[in-house]
Amino acid sequence: MTKVQLPPLGEGIDKATVSYWYFKVGDKVNEKDDLIELTTDKATFNLPSPASGTLSEILVQEGNLVNIGEVLAIIE
């Protein structure tokens, strides 16, 4: 099991908004696939998958805020 967490984003940025999930629960993902689009007050960026496997759970829905270190999803 791999937890997908929001990594440190830079000085003064401590949260982001989940804009879009590129995969849905049950989909197979490969390491480094674009998994999530995130937006901060300064930029929009994609977070790659940290591992290959099946996206088993999405913990933060589109439109919600997430803090640095918070778990976004689980990959089995």
C-alpha atoms as a PDB file:
ATOM      1  CA  MET A   1       0.000   0.000   0.000  1.00  0.00           C
ATOM      2  CA  THR A   2       1.299   3.441  -0.949  1.00  0.00           C
ATOM      3  CA  LYS A   3      -0.093   6.664   0.468  1.00  0.00           C
ATOM      4  CA  VAL A   4      -0.193   9.582  -1.961  1.00  0.00           C
ATOM      5  CA  GLN A   5       0.623  12.693   0.082  1.00  0.00           C
ATOM      6  CA  LEU A   6       0.821  16.366  -0.779  1.00  0.00           C
ATOM      7  CA  PRO A   7       4.552  17.146  -0.766  1.00  0.00           C
ATOM      8  CA  PRO A   8       6.142  20.440   0.352  1.00  0.00           C
ATOM      9  CA  LEU A   9       5.366  23.001  -2.336  1.00  0.00           C
ATOM     10  CA  GLY A  10       7.702  25.860  -1.574  1.00  0.00           C
ATOM     11  CA  GLU A  11       8.184  28.647   0.866  1.00  0.00           C
ATOM     12  CA  GLY A  12       4.949  30.161   2.146  1.00  0.00           C
ATOM     13  CA  ILE A  13       2.699  27.593   0.443  1.00  0.00           C
ATOM     14  CA  ASP A  14       1.043  25.214   2.895  1.00  0.00           C
ATOM     15  CA  LYS A  15      -2.073  24.018   1.035  1.00  0.00           C
ATOM     16  CA  ALA A  16      -3.497  23.372  -2.410  1.00  0.00           C
ATOM     17  CA  THR A  17      -6.862  22.658  -4.002  1.00  0.00           C
ATOM     18  CA  VAL A  18      -7.523  19.377  -5.799  1.00  0.00           C
ATOM     19  CA  SER A  19      -8.614  20.502  -9.273  1.00  0.00           C
ATOM     20  CA  TYR A  20      -8.915  17.200 -11.114  1.00  0.00           C
ATOM     21  CA  TRP A  21      -8.269  13.469 -10.681  1.00  0.00           C
ATOM     22  CA  TYR A  22      -6.905  11.858 -13.865  1.00  0.00           C
ATOM     23  CA  PHE A  23      -7.911   8.376 -12.650  1.00  0.00           C
ATOM     24  CA  LYS A  24     -10.858   6.962 -10.722  1.00  0.00           C
ATOM     25  CA  VAL A  25     -11.009   4.319  -7.987  1.00  0.00           C
ATOM     26  CA  GLY A  26     -10.240   0.899  -9.454  1.00  0.00           C
ATOM     27  CA  ASP A  27      -8.048   2.231 -12.274  1.00  0.00           C
ATOM     28  CA  LYS A  28      -4.532   0.909 -12.745  1.00  0.00           C
ATOM     29  CA  VAL A  29      -1.824   3.585 -12.551  1.00  0.00           C
ATOM     30  CA  ASN A  30       1.873   3.522 -13.369  1.00  0.00           C
ATOM     31  CA  GLU A  31       4.599   5.219 -11.366  1.00  0.00           C
ATOM     32  CA  LYS A  32       5.072   8.809 -12.608  1.00  0.00           C
ATOM     33  CA  ASP A  33       1.671   8.959 -14.374  1.00  0.00           C
ATOM     34  CA  ASP A  34      -0.027  12.309 -13.778  1.00  0.00           C
ATOM     35  CA  LEU A  35      -2.444  11.420 -10.986  1.00  0.00           C
ATOM     36  CA  ILE A  36      -3.886  14.718  -9.731  1.00  0.00           C
ATOM     37  CA  GLU A  37      -4.037  18.339 -10.870  1.00  0.00           C
ATOM     38  CA  LEU A  38      -3.552  20.728  -7.938  1.00  0.00           C
ATOM     39  CA  THR A  39      -3.860  24.495  -7.723  1.00  0.00           C
ATOM     40  CA  THR A  40      -2.273  26.949  -5.290  1.00  0.00           C
ATOM     41  CA  ASP A  41      -2.608  30.720  -5.235  1.00  0.00           C
ATOM     42  CA  LYS A  42       0.583  30.849  -7.349  1.00  0.00           C
ATOM     43  CA  ALA A  43       0.434  27.900  -9.773  1.00  0.00           C
ATOM     44  CA  THR A  44      -1.352  24.871 -11.179  1.00  0.00           C
ATOM     45  CA  PHE A  45       0.634  21.636 -11.341  1.00  0.00           C
ATOM     46  CA  ASN A  46       0.285  17.864 -11.687  1.00  0.00           C
ATOM     47  CA  LEU A  47       1.285  15.428  -8.953  1.00  0.00           C
ATOM     48  CA  PRO A  48       2.685  12.165 -10.365  1.00  0.00           C
ATOM     49  CA  SER A  49       1.864   8.769  -8.941  1.00  0.00           C
ATOM     50  CA  PRO A  50       4.553   7.656  -6.468  1.00  0.00           C
ATOM     51  CA  ALA A  51       4.025   3.956  -7.354  1.00  0.00           C
ATOM     52  CA  SER A  52       2.426   1.567  -9.821  1.00  0.00           C
ATOM     53  CA  GLY A  53      -0.724  -0.287  -8.781  1.00  0.00           C
ATOM     54  CA  THR A  54      -4.475   0.161  -8.463  1.00  0.00           C
ATOM     55  CA  LEU A  55      -5.987   3.399  -7.168  1.00  0.00           C
ATOM     56  CA  SER A  56      -7.982   1.902  -4.306  1.00  0.00           C
ATOM     57  CA  GLU A  57      -9.181   5.009  -2.484  1.00  0.00           C
ATOM     58  CA  ILE A  58      -9.513   8.759  -3.105  1.00  0.00           C
ATOM     59  CA  LEU A  59      -9.560  10.624   0.201  1.00  0.00           C
ATOM     60  CA  VAL A  60      -9.809  14.238  -1.040  1.00  0.00           C
ATOM     61  CA  GLN A  61     -12.421  15.095  -3.659  1.00  0.00           C
ATOM     62  CA  GLU A  62     -12.119  17.649  -6.459  1.00  0.00           C
ATOM     63  CA  GLY A  63     -12.610  21.193  -5.216  1.00  0.00           C
ATOM     64  CA  ASN A  64     -11.388  20.470  -1.669  1.00  0.00           C
ATOM     65  CA  LEU A  65      -8.360  21.982   0.058  1.00  0.00           C
ATOM     66  CA  VAL A  66      -5.507  19.762   1.199  1.00  0.00           C
ATOM     67  CA  ASN A  67      -2.616  20.614   3.534  1.00  0.00           C
ATOM     68  CA  ILE A  68       1.041  19.675   3.106  1.00  0.00           C
ATOM     69  CA  GLY A  69       1.580  16.070   4.233  1.00  0.00           C
ATOM     70  CA  GLU A  70      -2.107  15.155   4.040  1.00  0.00           C
ATOM     71  CA  VAL A  71      -2.948  11.835   2.363  1.00  0.00           C
ATOM     72  CA  LEU A  72      -4.800  12.324  -0.938  1.00  0.00           C
ATOM     73  CA  ALA A  73      -5.223   8.719  -2.038  1.00  0.00           C
ATOM     74  CA  ILE A  74      -4.173   5.106  -1.529  1.00  0.00           C
ATOM     75  CA  ILE A  75      -2.563   2.924  -4.210  1.00  0.00           C
ATOM     76  CA  GLU A  76      -2.549  -0.838  -3.644  1.00  0.00           C
END
